[in-house]
C-alpha atoms as a PDB file:
ATOM      1  CA  MET A   1      99.779 -34.732 -43.653  1.00  0.00           C
ATOM      2  CA  PRO A   2      96.124 -35.709 -43.102  1.00  0.00           C
ATOM      3  CA  LEU A   3      93.714 -32.959 -44.080  1.00  0.00           C
ATOM      4  CA  ALA A   4      91.025 -34.167 -41.629  1.00  0.00           C
ATOM      5  CA  LYS A   5      93.105 -32.757 -38.791  1.00  0.00           C
ATOM      6  CA  PHE A   6      92.360 -29.182 -39.908  1.00  0.00           C
ATOM      7  CA  ILE A   7      88.621 -29.660 -40.479  1.00  0.00           C
ATOM      8  CA  PRO A   8      86.680 -28.655 -37.355  1.00  0.00           C
ATOM      9  CA  GLN A   9      84.622 -31.435 -35.856  1.00  0.00           C
ATOM     10  CA  GLN A  10      81.199 -30.980 -34.331  1.00  0.00           C
ATOM     11  CA  LYS A  11      81.201 -31.186 -30.569  1.00  0.00           C
ATOM     12  CA  ARG A  12      78.779 -33.494 -28.807  1.00  0.00           C
ATOM     13  CA  MET A  13      76.193 -31.720 -26.701  1.00  0.00           C
ATOM     14  CA  SER A  14      74.488 -33.277 -23.725  1.00  0.00           C
ATOM     15  CA  THR A  15      70.692 -33.318 -23.549  1.00  0.00           C
ATOM     16  CA  ILE A  16      70.751 -31.039 -20.503  1.00  0.00           C
ATOM     17  CA  LEU A  17      72.817 -28.409 -22.309  1.00  0.00           C
ATOM     18  CA  GLY A  18      70.633 -28.719 -25.420  1.00  0.00           C
ATOM     19  CA  GLY A  19      67.489 -28.283 -23.335  1.00  0.00           C
ATOM     20  CA  MET A  20      68.944 -25.223 -21.629  1.00  0.00           C
ATOM     21  CA  LEU A  21      69.825 -23.756 -25.033  1.00  0.00           C
ATOM     22  CA  ILE A  22      66.244 -24.231 -26.228  1.00  0.00           C
ATOM     23  CA  LEU A  23      64.836 -22.671 -23.041  1.00  0.00           C
ATOM     24  CA  VAL A  24      67.109 -19.640 -23.322  1.00  0.00           C
ATOM     25  CA  SER A  25      66.243 -19.062 -26.990  1.00  0.00           C
ATOM     26  CA  GLU A  26      62.503 -19.415 -26.305  1.00  0.00           C
ATOM     27  CA  THR A  27      62.776 -16.995 -23.387  1.00  0.00           C
ATOM     28  CA  LYS A  28      64.582 -14.448 -25.573  1.00  0.00           C
ATOM     29  CA  PHE A  29      61.863 -14.801 -28.218  1.00  0.00           C
ATOM     30  CA  LEU A  30      59.030 -14.340 -25.716  1.00  0.00           C
ATOM     31  CA  PHE A  31      60.686 -11.321 -24.100  1.00  0.00           C
ATOM     32  CA  SER A  32      61.139  -9.822 -27.564  1.00  0.00           C
ATOM     33  CA  MET A  33      57.416 -10.253 -28.259  1.00  0.00           C
ATOM     34  CA  LEU A  34      56.546  -8.777 -24.839  1.00  0.00           C
ATOM     35  CA  ASN A  35      58.851  -5.823 -25.500  1.00  0.00           C
ATOM     36  CA  PHE A  36      57.120  -5.217 -28.859  1.00  0.00           C
ATOM     37  CA  VAL A  37      53.694  -5.181 -27.195  1.00  0.00           C
ATOM     38  CA  LEU A  38      54.844  -2.869 -24.408  1.00  0.00           C
ATOM     39  CA  VAL A  39      56.439  -0.382 -26.804  1.00  0.00           C
ATOM     40  CA  THR A  40      53.332  -0.318 -29.001  1.00  0.00           C
ATOM     41  CA  ARG A  41      51.130   0.288 -25.937  1.00  0.00           C
ATOM     42  CA  ILE A  42      53.323   3.224 -24.949  1.00  0.00           C
ATOM     43  CA  GLN A  43      53.063   4.616 -28.473  1.00  0.00           C
ATOM     44  CA  TYR A  44      49.301   4.073 -28.685  1.00  0.00           C
ATOM     45  CA  TYR A  45      48.377   5.432 -25.252  1.00  0.00           C
ATOM     46  CA  ASN A  46      50.825   8.363 -25.276  1.00  0.00           C
ATOM     47  CA  PRO A  47      48.873  11.277 -23.745  1.00  0.00           C
ATOM     48  CA  GLY A  48      50.902  13.882 -25.633  1.00  0.00           C
ATOM     49  CA  ASP A  49      50.099  12.469 -29.075  1.00  0.00           C
ATOM     50  CA  ALA A  50      46.582  11.191 -29.709  1.00  0.00           C
ATOM     51  CA  TYR A  51      47.090  10.702 -33.471  1.00  0.00           C
ATOM     52  CA  MET A  52      47.318   6.900 -33.249  1.00  0.00           C
ATOM     53  CA  ARG A  53      44.112   6.725 -31.206  1.00  0.00           C
ATOM     54  CA  GLN A  54      42.353   8.859 -33.827  1.00  0.00           C
ATOM     55  CA  LEU A  55      43.687   6.778 -36.699  1.00  0.00           C
ATOM     56  CA  PHE A  56      43.023   3.400 -35.051  1.00  0.00           C
ATOM     57  CA  PRO A  57      40.049   3.424 -32.667  1.00  0.00           C
ATOM     58  CA  ASN A  58      41.034   0.065 -31.128  1.00  0.00           C
ATOM     59  CA  TYR A  59      44.447  -0.999 -29.812  1.00  0.00           C
ATOM     60  CA  LEU A  60      44.107  -4.502 -31.282  1.00  0.00           C
ATOM     61  CA  LEU A  61      43.496  -2.988 -34.715  1.00  0.00           C
ATOM     62  CA  PHE A  62      46.632  -0.880 -34.278  1.00  0.00           C
ATOM     63  CA  LEU A  63      48.577  -3.983 -33.226  1.00  0.00           C
ATOM     64  CA  GLY A  64      47.140  -5.983 -36.130  1.00  0.00           C
ATOM     65  CA  VAL A  65      48.294  -3.372 -38.638  1.00  0.00           C
ATOM     66  CA  LEU A  66      51.705  -2.918 -37.035  1.00  0.00           C
ATOM     67  CA  ALA A  67      52.611  -6.606 -36.620  1.00  0.00           C
ATOM     68  CA  PRO A  68      52.805  -7.482 -40.361  1.00  0.00           C
ATOM     69  CA  ARG A  69      54.865  -4.356 -40.997  1.00  0.00           C
ATOM     70  CA  GLY A  70      57.279  -5.325 -38.235  1.00  0.00           C
ATOM     71  CA  THR A  71      57.502  -8.880 -39.563  1.00  0.00           C
ATOM     72  CA  THR A  72      58.192  -7.613 -43.091  1.00  0.00           C
ATOM     73  CA  GLY A  73      60.862  -5.225 -41.824  1.00  0.00           C
ATOM     74  CA  HIS A  74      62.471  -8.021 -39.827  1.00  0.00           C
ATOM     75  CA  ASP A  75      62.480 -10.345 -42.838  1.00  0.00           C
ATOM     76  CA  ILE A  76      64.043  -7.688 -45.076  1.00  0.00           C
ATOM     77  CA  GLY A  77      66.691  -6.846 -42.490  1.00  0.00           C
ATOM     78  CA  VAL A  78      67.578 -10.441 -41.603  1.00  0.00           C
ATOM     79  CA  TYR A  79      67.092 -12.430 -44.826  1.00  0.00           C
ATOM     80  CA  ILE A  80      67.026 -10.173 -47.877  1.00  0.00           C
ATOM     81  CA  HIS A  81      69.517  -7.405 -47.043  1.00  0.00           C
ATOM     82  CA  PRO A  82      72.461  -9.630 -46.028  1.00  0.00           C
ATOM     83  CA  ALA A  83      72.034 -11.689 -49.218  1.00  0.00           C
ATOM     84  CA  GLN A  84      72.831  -8.712 -51.443  1.00  0.00           C
END
């Protein structure tokens, strides 16, 4: 009995389907970035809690401090935690 019959083979993908896959993944990435910016703006400009505006006088400073923390948290959750 040939063993190659049970090994899954890679399917061929057309260039149109591959291009659509790239466009969909890029769109998901850009919407994720846009969602991050919108949520941070809601947190920063929340009228009921002015603590973030007192701590960070500029929104770009707040975003600059928050972005590396989010990237580190993402890396720990995606790369380091599953490896343990």
